[in-house]
Amino acid sequence: MRERPVIGFLTDFGLDGPAAICRGVMLSIARDAQIVDISHVVRKFAISDGAYLLRAALPWLPVGTHVGVVDPGVGTSRRPVGILAARGDVLIGPDNGLLIPAAERLGGIREARLLENRDWMLPVTSATFHGRDIFAPVAAHLAVGGAFEDVGAALDPGELVRLDLPHAVASEGRLDTGVVYVDSFGNLRLDGTPADLGRAIPELAPGAALVVELPTEDARATFARTFGEVAAGALLIYQDSAGDLALGESSGDAARRLGLGVGARIGLRRA
């Protein structure tokens, strides 16, 4: 039996009609597709939030076609693109940086193409709903076996728009990093992994005290494996479920407490 195709789907559309309309378009073309709704409550217009959630989710989905729509530039000169990742997935969405972190997490970009095959789009395309008119139908055609090269002309992957996100830099005794996402609990997801922190601060064991250098004033945190290893209200640096570093408050909201958001730079060093 042929396996049912998988389509991952993420937007900032909210919980009213647009996401359901896009699913309807996909299913009208790929009737047996399994559509996995990653999120439709991405913070409005927050491309970096959508990019983080795609990067965190797609490695756990089967190889498939995935649609991302956080697209404040819809209808402008920004390009609609498809990216073929090394794992075999195809990512469909706007050329605004949304898709690239996920493609890199899936092994890197093998090929990029412009979406220009009119036969794979709805007959009329609006200026404000490319999720329905372009991205959903193109993804569905790919899901039912369409060839990636048929979506349109090849693009140089180096010319794709990339987000300016914080990057972890390890030096002797210190890791410089930054907030790449704030989750619904107020945990601050950071760029970098425990291995990066270990290069900066060798022999760092669970329970070790750290100084968190903030834009305003420094704070103390514990390097811990779980929230339950520190007292309620205490800050901790931990490895999140995606394998990256995070700064949280046990039974609390670290983002609110510290007044930090996406893009904020912080430093970590031994106390």
C-alpha atoms as a PDB file:
ATOM      1  CA  MET A   1       0.000   0.000   0.000  1.00  0.00           C
ATOM      2  CA  ARG A   2       1.179   3.508  -0.780  1.00  0.00           C
ATOM      3  CA  GLU A   3       1.830   5.525   2.349  1.00  0.00           C
ATOM      4  CA  ARG A   4      -0.400   8.548   2.836  1.00  0.00           C
ATOM      5  CA  PRO A   5       1.502  11.802   2.189  1.00  0.00           C
ATOM      6  CA  VAL A   6       2.240  14.091   5.132  1.00  0.00           C
ATOM      7  CA  ILE A   7       1.864  17.878   4.978  1.00  0.00           C
ATOM      8  CA  GLY A   8       3.115  19.925   7.928  1.00  0.00           C
ATOM      9  CA  PHE A   9       1.321  23.252   8.304  1.00  0.00           C
ATOM     10  CA  LEU A  10       2.203  26.358  10.333  1.00  0.00           C
ATOM     11  CA  THR A  11       0.776  29.885  10.158  1.00  0.00           C
ATOM     12  CA  ASP A  12       0.016  32.995  12.181  1.00  0.00           C
ATOM     13  CA  PHE A  13      -3.591  32.921  10.919  1.00  0.00           C
ATOM     14  CA  GLY A  14      -5.198  32.264  14.289  1.00  0.00           C
ATOM     15  CA  LEU A  15      -8.093  29.942  15.043  1.00  0.00           C
ATOM     16  CA  ASP A  16     -10.731  31.340  12.685  1.00  0.00           C
ATOM     17  CA  GLY A  17     -11.257  30.448   9.024  1.00  0.00           C
ATOM     18  CA  PRO A  18      -8.047  30.916   7.002  1.00  0.00           C
ATOM     19  CA  ALA A  19      -6.153  27.836   8.204  1.00  0.00           C
ATOM     20  CA  ALA A  20      -9.196  25.620   7.597  1.00  0.00           C
ATOM     21  CA  ILE A  21      -9.602  27.099   4.111  1.00  0.00           C
ATOM     22  CA  CYS A  22      -5.986  26.218   3.292  1.00  0.00           C
ATOM     23  CA  ARG A  23      -6.506  22.683   4.583  1.00  0.00           C
ATOM     24  CA  GLY A  24      -9.559  22.414   2.364  1.00  0.00           C
ATOM     25  CA  VAL A  25      -7.538  23.467  -0.684  1.00  0.00           C
ATOM     26  CA  MET A  26      -4.854  20.894   0.128  1.00  0.00           C
ATOM     27  CA  LEU A  27      -7.399  18.114   0.621  1.00  0.00           C
ATOM     28  CA  SER A  28      -9.229  18.962  -2.606  1.00  0.00           C
ATOM     29  CA  ILE A  29      -5.982  18.067  -4.426  1.00  0.00           C
ATOM     30  CA  ALA A  30      -4.430  15.487  -2.077  1.00  0.00           C
ATOM     31  CA  ARG A  31      -7.528  13.744  -0.685  1.00  0.00           C
ATOM     32  CA  ASP A  32      -5.651  11.252   1.495  1.00  0.00           C
ATOM     33  CA  ALA A  33      -3.023  13.677   2.830  1.00  0.00           C
ATOM     34  CA  GLN A  34      -2.323  13.704   6.553  1.00  0.00           C
ATOM     35  CA  ILE A  35      -2.114  17.389   7.490  1.00  0.00           C
ATOM     36  CA  VAL A  36      -0.216  17.995  10.724  1.00  0.00           C
ATOM     37  CA  ASP A  37      -1.092  21.382  12.236  1.00  0.00           C
ATOM     38  CA  ILE A  38       2.120  22.541  13.917  1.00  0.00           C
ATOM     39  CA  SER A  39       0.663  25.879  15.030  1.00  0.00           C
ATOM     40  CA  HIS A  40      -1.718  28.551  13.825  1.00  0.00           C
ATOM     41  CA  VAL A  41      -1.218  30.843  16.810  1.00  0.00           C
ATOM     42  CA  VAL A  42       2.268  32.055  15.961  1.00  0.00           C
ATOM     43  CA  ARG A  43       2.610  35.637  17.184  1.00  0.00           C
ATOM     44  CA  LYS A  44       1.264  37.847  14.397  1.00  0.00           C
ATOM     45  CA  PHE A  45       3.881  38.810  11.783  1.00  0.00           C
ATOM     46  CA  ALA A  46       6.663  37.230  13.951  1.00  0.00           C
ATOM     47  CA  ILE A  47       8.690  35.496  11.258  1.00  0.00           C
ATOM     48  CA  SER A  48      11.402  34.439  13.705  1.00  0.00           C
ATOM     49  CA  ASP A  49       8.839  32.768  15.997  1.00  0.00           C
ATOM     50  CA  GLY A  50       7.476  30.758  13.093  1.00  0.00           C
ATOM     51  CA  ALA A  51      10.989  29.848  11.987  1.00  0.00           C
ATOM     52  CA  TYR A  52      11.825  28.580  15.467  1.00  0.00           C
ATOM     53  CA  LEU A  53       8.676  26.463  15.711  1.00  0.00           C
ATOM     54  CA  LEU A  54       9.232  24.929  12.270  1.00  0.00           C
ATOM     55  CA  ARG A  55      12.831  24.133  13.155  1.00  0.00           C
ATOM     56  CA  ALA A  56      11.767  22.528  16.428  1.00  0.00           C
ATOM     57  CA  ALA A  57       8.881  20.505  14.978  1.00  0.00           C
ATOM     58  CA  LEU A  58       9.857  19.256  11.536  1.00  0.00           C
ATOM     59  CA  PRO A  59      12.572  16.791  12.602  1.00  0.00           C
ATOM     60  CA  TRP A  60       9.833  14.901  14.480  1.00  0.00           C
ATOM     61  CA  LEU A  61       7.485  14.706  11.493  1.00  0.00           C
ATOM     62  CA  PRO A  62       7.798  12.105   8.740  1.00  0.00           C
ATOM     63  CA  VAL A  63       9.513  13.216   5.566  1.00  0.00           C
ATOM     64  CA  GLY A  64       6.954  15.226   3.652  1.00  0.00           C
ATOM     65  CA  THR A  65       5.882  18.562   2.253  1.00  0.00           C
ATOM     66  CA  HIS A  66       5.592  21.380   4.784  1.00  0.00           C
ATOM     67  CA  VAL A  67       3.903  24.764   4.458  1.00  0.00           C
ATOM     68  CA  GLY A  68       4.893  27.806   6.522  1.00  0.00           C
ATOM     69  CA  VAL A  69       2.959  31.072   6.263  1.00  0.00           C
ATOM     70  CA  VAL A  70       4.050  33.988   8.408  1.00  0.00           C
ATOM     71  CA  ASP A  71       4.035  36.509   5.648  1.00  0.00           C
ATOM     72  CA  PRO A  72       3.764  40.226   6.411  1.00  0.00           C
ATOM     73  CA  GLY A  73       5.081  40.896   2.883  1.00  0.00           C
ATOM     74  CA  VAL A  74       2.287  39.025   1.106  1.00  0.00           C
ATOM     75  CA  GLY A  75       1.458  40.608  -2.249  1.00  0.00           C
ATOM     76  CA  THR A  76       4.716  42.567  -2.446  1.00  0.00           C
ATOM     77  CA  SER A  77       7.848  41.729  -4.413  1.00  0.00           C
ATOM     78  CA  ARG A  78       8.860  39.053  -1.872  1.00  0.00           C
ATOM     79  CA  ARG A  79       9.156  35.724  -3.659  1.00  0.00           C
ATOM     80  CA  PRO A  80       7.179  32.509  -3.079  1.00  0.00           C
ATOM     81  CA  VAL A  81       9.719  29.703  -2.805  1.00  0.00           C
ATOM     82  CA  GLY A  82      10.214  26.000  -2.300  1.00  0.00           C
ATOM     83  CA  ILE A  83      13.223  24.518  -0.535  1.00  0.00           C
ATOM     84  CA  LEU A  84      14.303  20.891  -0.884  1.00  0.00           C
ATOM     85  CA  ALA A  85      16.083  19.797   2.294  1.00  0.00           C
ATOM     86  CA  ALA A  86      18.746  17.105   2.468  1.00  0.00           C
ATOM     87  CA  ARG A  87      16.427  14.765   4.410  1.00  0.00           C
ATOM     88  CA  GLY A  88      14.038  14.789   1.458  1.00  0.00           C
ATOM     89  CA  ASP A  89      11.400  17.222   2.725  1.00  0.00           C
ATOM     90  CA  VAL A  90      10.117  20.146   0.657  1.00  0.00           C
ATOM     91  CA  LEU A  91       9.344  23.391   2.490  1.00  0.00           C
ATOM     92  CA  ILE A  92       6.905  25.814   0.867  1.00  0.00           C
ATOM     93  CA  GLY A  93       6.366  29.456   1.837  1.00  0.00           C
ATOM     94  CA  PRO A  94       7.570  33.041   1.469  1.00  0.00           C
ATOM     95  CA  ASP A  95      11.196  33.998   0.927  1.00  0.00           C
ATOM     96  CA  ASN A  96      11.513  35.930   4.176  1.00  0.00           C
ATOM     97  CA  GLY A  97      13.720  33.639   6.262  1.00  0.00           C
ATOM     98  CA  LEU A  98      10.863  31.588   7.716  1.00  0.00           C
ATOM     99  CA  LEU A  99      11.863  28.275   6.131  1.00  0.00           C
ATOM    100  CA  ILE A 100      15.656  28.305   6.318  1.00  0.00           C
ATOM    101  CA  PRO A 101      16.318  27.324   9.980  1.00  0.00           C
ATOM    102  CA  ALA A 102      14.094  24.261   9.559  1.00  0.00           C
ATOM    103  CA  ALA A 103      15.759  23.308   6.269  1.00  0.00           C
ATOM    104  CA  GLU A 104      19.148  23.545   7.950  1.00  0.00           C
ATOM    105  CA  ARG A 105      17.936  21.374  10.845  1.00  0.00           C
ATOM    106  CA  LEU A 106      16.803  18.810   8.219  1.00  0.00           C
ATOM    107  CA  GLY A 107      20.335  18.449   6.892  1.00  0.00           C
ATOM    108  CA  GLY A 108      20.717  21.635   4.874  1.00  0.00           C
ATOM    109  CA  ILE A 109      19.376  23.096   1.659  1.00  0.00           C
ATOM    110  CA  ARG A 110      19.810  20.801  -1.320  1.00  0.00           C
ATOM    111  CA  GLU A 111      17.926  22.968  -3.809  1.00  0.00           C
ATOM    112  CA  ALA A 112      15.698  26.059  -3.915  1.00  0.00           C
ATOM    113  CA  ARG A 113      13.121  27.023  -6.531  1.00  0.00           C
ATOM    114  CA  LEU A 114      10.745  29.863  -7.311  1.00  0.00           C
ATOM    115  CA  LEU A 115       7.045  28.951  -7.208  1.00  0.00           C
ATOM    116  CA  GLU A 116       5.797  29.912 -10.653  1.00  0.00           C
ATOM    117  CA  ASN A 117       3.870  26.922 -12.055  1.00  0.00           C
ATOM    118  CA  ARG A 118       0.430  28.476 -12.595  1.00  0.00           C
ATOM    119  CA  ASP A 119      -1.129  25.058 -13.209  1.00  0.00           C
ATOM    120  CA  TRP A 120      -0.378  24.167  -9.580  1.00  0.00           C
ATOM    121  CA  MET A 121      -1.990  27.332  -8.155  1.00  0.00           C
ATOM    122  CA  LEU A 122      -5.611  28.383  -7.860  1.00  0.00           C
ATOM    123  CA  PRO A 123      -6.948  30.000 -11.045  1.00  0.00           C
ATOM    124  CA  VAL A 124      -7.217  33.412  -9.372  1.00  0.00           C
ATOM    125  CA  THR A 125      -4.562  34.522  -6.859  1.00  0.00           C
ATOM    126  CA  SER A 126      -5.377  37.332  -4.464  1.00  0.00           C
ATOM    127  CA  ALA A 127      -2.881  39.899  -3.224  1.00  0.00           C
ATOM    128  CA  THR A 128      -3.496  39.019   0.430  1.00  0.00           C
ATOM    129  CA  PHE A 129      -4.020  35.237   0.721  1.00  0.00           C
ATOM    130  CA  HIS A 130      -1.106  33.398  -0.885  1.00  0.00           C
ATOM    131  CA  GLY A 131      -1.466  30.669   1.733  1.00  0.00           C
ATOM    132  CA  ARG A 132      -4.715  29.629   0.057  1.00  0.00           C
ATOM    133  CA  ASP A 133      -3.949  30.531  -3.538  1.00  0.00           C
ATOM    134  CA  ILE A 134      -0.282  29.525  -3.953  1.00  0.00           C
ATOM    135  CA  PHE A 135       1.336  27.732  -1.012  1.00  0.00           C
ATOM    136  CA  ALA A 136      -1.455  25.249  -0.177  1.00  0.00           C
ATOM    137  CA  PRO A 137      -2.118  24.009  -3.727  1.00  0.00           C
ATOM    138  CA  VAL A 138       1.569  23.807  -4.666  1.00  0.00           C
ATOM    139  CA  ALA A 139       2.267  21.762  -1.521  1.00  0.00           C
ATOM    140  CA  ALA A 140      -0.654  19.456  -2.291  1.00  0.00           C
ATOM    141  CA  HIS A 141       0.552  18.838  -5.835  1.00  0.00           C
ATOM    142  CA  LEU A 142       3.960  17.908  -4.454  1.00  0.00           C
ATOM    143  CA  ALA A 143       2.349  15.659  -1.847  1.00  0.00           C
ATOM    144  CA  VAL A 144       0.595  13.602  -4.538  1.00  0.00           C
ATOM    145  CA  GLY A 145       3.855  13.019  -6.386  1.00  0.00           C
ATOM    146  CA  GLY A 146       4.589  16.157  -8.372  1.00  0.00           C
ATOM    147  CA  ALA A 147       8.265  16.671  -9.159  1.00  0.00           C
ATOM    148  CA  PHE A 148      10.021  19.453  -7.265  1.00  0.00           C
ATOM    149  CA  GLU A 149      11.661  20.741 -10.445  1.00  0.00           C
ATOM    150  CA  ASP A 150       8.189  21.404 -11.849  1.00  0.00           C
ATOM    151  CA  VAL A 151       7.392  24.135  -9.307  1.00  0.00           C
ATOM    152  CA  GLY A 152       9.550  26.684 -11.139  1.00  0.00           C
ATOM    153  CA  ALA A 153      13.016  27.976 -11.904  1.00  0.00           C
ATOM    154  CA  ALA A 154      15.997  27.117  -9.711  1.00  0.00           C
ATOM    155  CA  LEU A 155      17.294  29.740  -7.262  1.00  0.00           C
ATOM    156  CA  ASP A 156      20.717  30.168  -5.749  1.00  0.00           C
ATOM    157  CA  PRO A 157      20.225  29.151  -2.086  1.00  0.00           C
ATOM    158  CA  GLY A 158      22.731  31.824  -1.136  1.00  0.00           C
ATOM    159  CA  GLU A 159      20.302  34.476  -2.388  1.00  0.00           C
ATOM    160  CA  LEU A 160      17.455  33.419  -0.098  1.00  0.00           C
ATOM    161  CA  VAL A 161      16.509  35.884   2.632  1.00  0.00           C
ATOM    162  CA  ARG A 162      17.914  34.923   6.027  1.00  0.00           C
ATOM    163  CA  LEU A 163      16.865  36.090   9.468  1.00  0.00           C
ATOM    164  CA  ASP A 164      19.243  38.063  11.669  1.00  0.00           C
ATOM    165  CA  LEU A 165      19.010  35.873  14.776  1.00  0.00           C
ATOM    166  CA  PRO A 166      21.350  35.664  17.784  1.00  0.00           C
ATOM    167  CA  HIS A 167      24.130  33.092  17.489  1.00  0.00           C
ATOM    168  CA  ALA A 168      25.949  31.445  20.366  1.00  0.00           C
ATOM    169  CA  VAL A 169      29.662  32.259  20.594  1.00  0.00           C
ATOM    170  CA  ALA A 170      31.802  30.353  23.070  1.00  0.00           C
ATOM    171  CA  SER A 171      34.934  31.925  24.517  1.00  0.00           C
ATOM    172  CA  GLU A 172      37.049  31.044  27.527  1.00  0.00           C
ATOM    173  CA  GLY A 173      34.773  31.108  30.557  1.00  0.00           C
ATOM    174  CA  ARG A 174      31.782  32.666  28.808  1.00  0.00           C
ATOM    175  CA  LEU A 175      29.006  31.886  26.327  1.00  0.00           C
ATOM    176  CA  ASP A 176      27.448  34.824  24.479  1.00  0.00           C
ATOM    177  CA  THR A 177      24.012  33.956  23.149  1.00  0.00           C
ATOM    178  CA  GLY A 178      20.520  35.384  22.794  1.00  0.00           C
ATOM    179  CA  VAL A 179      16.811  34.688  22.907  1.00  0.00           C
ATOM    180  CA  VAL A 180      15.412  33.098  19.754  1.00  0.00           C
ATOM    181  CA  TYR A 181      11.924  32.272  21.065  1.00  0.00           C
ATOM    182  CA  VAL A 182       9.697  32.786  24.103  1.00  0.00           C
ATOM    183  CA  ASP A 183       7.341  29.870  24.716  1.00  0.00           C
ATOM    184  CA  SER A 184       3.888  30.007  26.298  1.00  0.00           C
ATOM    185  CA  PHE A 185       5.333  29.320  29.763  1.00  0.00           C
ATOM    186  CA  GLY A 186       7.683  32.294  29.496  1.00  0.00           C
ATOM    187  CA  ASN A 187      10.779  30.163  29.033  1.00  0.00           C
ATOM    188  CA  LEU A 188      13.477  31.892  27.000  1.00  0.00           C
ATOM    189  CA  ARG A 189      14.783  29.558  24.301  1.00  0.00           C
ATOM    190  CA  LEU A 190      18.420  30.380  23.524  1.00  0.00           C
ATOM    191  CA  ASP A 191      20.691  29.769  20.588  1.00  0.00           C
ATOM    192  CA  GLY A 192      23.308  27.141  21.315  1.00  0.00           C
ATOM    193  CA  THR A 193      23.491  23.745  22.954  1.00  0.00           C
ATOM    194  CA  PRO A 194      24.885  22.351  26.209  1.00  0.00           C
ATOM    195  CA  ALA A 195      27.957  21.348  24.179  1.00  0.00           C
ATOM    196  CA  ASP A 196      28.529  25.040  23.346  1.00  0.00           C
ATOM    197  CA  LEU A 197      28.193  25.910  27.019  1.00  0.00           C
ATOM    198  CA  GLY A 198      30.591  23.102  27.898  1.00  0.00           C
ATOM    199  CA  ARG A 199      33.215  24.497  25.531  1.00  0.00           C
ATOM    200  CA  ALA A 200      32.931  27.873  27.229  1.00  0.00           C
ATOM    201  CA  ILE A 201      32.756  26.517  30.780  1.00  0.00           C
ATOM    202  CA  PRO A 202      34.465  23.102  30.976  1.00  0.00           C
ATOM    203  CA  GLU A 203      33.381  20.514  33.541  1.00  0.00           C
ATOM    204  CA  LEU A 204      30.075  22.236  34.174  1.00  0.00           C
ATOM    205  CA  ALA A 205      27.956  19.837  36.220  1.00  0.00           C
ATOM    206  CA  PRO A 206      24.246  19.919  37.084  1.00  0.00           C
ATOM    207  CA  GLY A 207      23.718  22.069  40.148  1.00  0.00           C
ATOM    208  CA  ALA A 208      26.466  24.523  39.226  1.00  0.00           C
ATOM    209  CA  ALA A 209      25.707  28.193  39.772  1.00  0.00           C
ATOM    210  CA  LEU A 210      25.827  30.522  36.766  1.00  0.00           C
ATOM    211  CA  VAL A 211      25.738  34.252  36.290  1.00  0.00           C
ATOM    212  CA  VAL A 212      23.303  35.374  33.597  1.00  0.00           C
ATOM    213  CA  GLU A 213      24.509  38.695  32.203  1.00  0.00           C
ATOM    214  CA  LEU A 214      21.471  40.708  31.153  1.00  0.00           C
ATOM    215  CA  PRO A 215      21.066  44.075  29.400  1.00  0.00           C
ATOM    216  CA  THR A 216      20.063  45.699  32.700  1.00  0.00           C
ATOM    217  CA  GLU A 217      21.544  43.731  35.594  1.00  0.00           C
ATOM    218  CA  ASP A 218      22.970  40.281  36.194  1.00  0.00           C
ATOM    219  CA  ALA A 219      20.980  37.396  37.644  1.00  0.00           C
ATOM    220  CA  ARG A 220      21.851  34.046  39.192  1.00  0.00           C
ATOM    221  CA  ALA A 221      20.717  30.735  37.732  1.00  0.00           C
ATOM    222  CA  THR A 222      21.397  27.059  38.322  1.00  0.00           C
ATOM    223  CA  PHE A 223      22.494  24.701  35.577  1.00  0.00           C
ATOM    224  CA  ALA A 224      19.887  21.955  35.996  1.00  0.00           C
ATOM    225  CA  ARG A 225      18.323  19.027  34.186  1.00  0.00           C
ATOM    226  CA  THR A 226      14.732  19.578  35.339  1.00  0.00           C
ATOM    227  CA  PHE A 227      12.603  22.365  36.802  1.00  0.00           C
ATOM    228  CA  GLY A 228      12.022  20.250  39.905  1.00  0.00           C
ATOM    229  CA  GLU A 229      15.716  20.349  40.796  1.00  0.00           C
ATOM    230  CA  VAL A 230      15.485  24.015  41.807  1.00  0.00           C
ATOM    231  CA  ALA A 231      13.140  25.843  44.167  1.00  0.00           C
ATOM    232  CA  ALA A 232       9.982  27.481  42.889  1.00  0.00           C
ATOM    233  CA  GLY A 233      10.839  30.969  41.667  1.00  0.00           C
ATOM    234  CA  ALA A 234      14.490  30.131  41.000  1.00  0.00           C
ATOM    235  CA  LEU A 235      16.057  30.656  37.570  1.00  0.00           C
ATOM    236  CA  LEU A 236      17.663  27.753  35.756  1.00  0.00           C
ATOM    237  CA  ILE A 237      19.592  27.075  32.562  1.00  0.00           C
ATOM    238  CA  TYR A 238      18.524  23.749  31.059  1.00  0.00           C
ATOM    239  CA  GLN A 239      18.468  21.713  27.870  1.00  0.00           C
ATOM    240  CA  ASP A 240      15.071  21.995  26.206  1.00  0.00           C
ATOM    241  CA  SER A 241      13.252  19.234  24.346  1.00  0.00           C
ATOM    242  CA  ALA A 242      14.813  20.305  21.030  1.00  0.00           C
ATOM    243  CA  GLY A 243      18.322  19.926  22.474  1.00  0.00           C
ATOM    244  CA  ASP A 244      19.039  23.639  22.823  1.00  0.00           C
ATOM    245  CA  LEU A 245      19.718  25.804  25.856  1.00  0.00           C
ATOM    246  CA  ALA A 246      16.911  27.637  27.604  1.00  0.00           C
ATOM    247  CA  LEU A 247      16.511  30.015  30.526  1.00  0.00           C
ATOM    248  CA  GLY A 248      13.463  29.404  32.686  1.00  0.00           C
ATOM    249  CA  GLU A 249      11.944  30.125  36.063  1.00  0.00           C
ATOM    250  CA  SER A 250      10.697  27.167  38.067  1.00  0.00           C
ATOM    251  CA  SER A 251       6.894  27.495  38.382  1.00  0.00           C
ATOM    252  CA  GLY A 252       7.155  30.986  36.915  1.00  0.00           C
ATOM    253  CA  ASP A 253       7.557  33.148  33.826  1.00  0.00           C
ATOM    254  CA  ALA A 254      11.202  34.046  33.145  1.00  0.00           C
ATOM    255  CA  ALA A 255      10.399  36.347  30.219  1.00  0.00           C
ATOM    256  CA  ARG A 256       8.055  38.482  32.316  1.00  0.00           C
ATOM    257  CA  ARG A 257      10.339  38.475  35.339  1.00  0.00           C
ATOM    258  CA  LEU A 258      13.428  39.521  33.395  1.00  0.00           C
ATOM    259  CA  GLY A 259      11.698  41.702  30.812  1.00  0.00           C
ATOM    260  CA  LEU A 260      13.328  39.885  27.900  1.00  0.00           C
ATOM    261  CA  GLY A 261      12.043  39.030  24.435  1.00  0.00           C
ATOM    262  CA  VAL A 262      13.216  37.633  21.125  1.00  0.00           C
ATOM    263  CA  GLY A 263      16.534  39.121  20.049  1.00  0.00           C
ATOM    264  CA  ALA A 264      17.762  40.014  23.552  1.00  0.00           C
ATOM    265  CA  ARG A 265      21.434  39.204  24.075  1.00  0.00           C
ATOM    266  CA  ILE A 266      22.675  37.517  27.226  1.00  0.00           C
ATOM    267  CA  GLY A 267      25.934  36.069  28.527  1.00  0.00           C
ATOM    268  CA  LEU A 268      26.520  32.999  30.674  1.00  0.00           C
ATOM    269  CA  ARG A 269      29.512  32.471  32.966  1.00  0.00           C
ATOM    270  CA  ARG A 270      30.339  30.523  36.086  1.00  0.00           C
ATOM    271  CA  ALA A 271      29.304  32.237  39.329  1.00  0.00           C
END
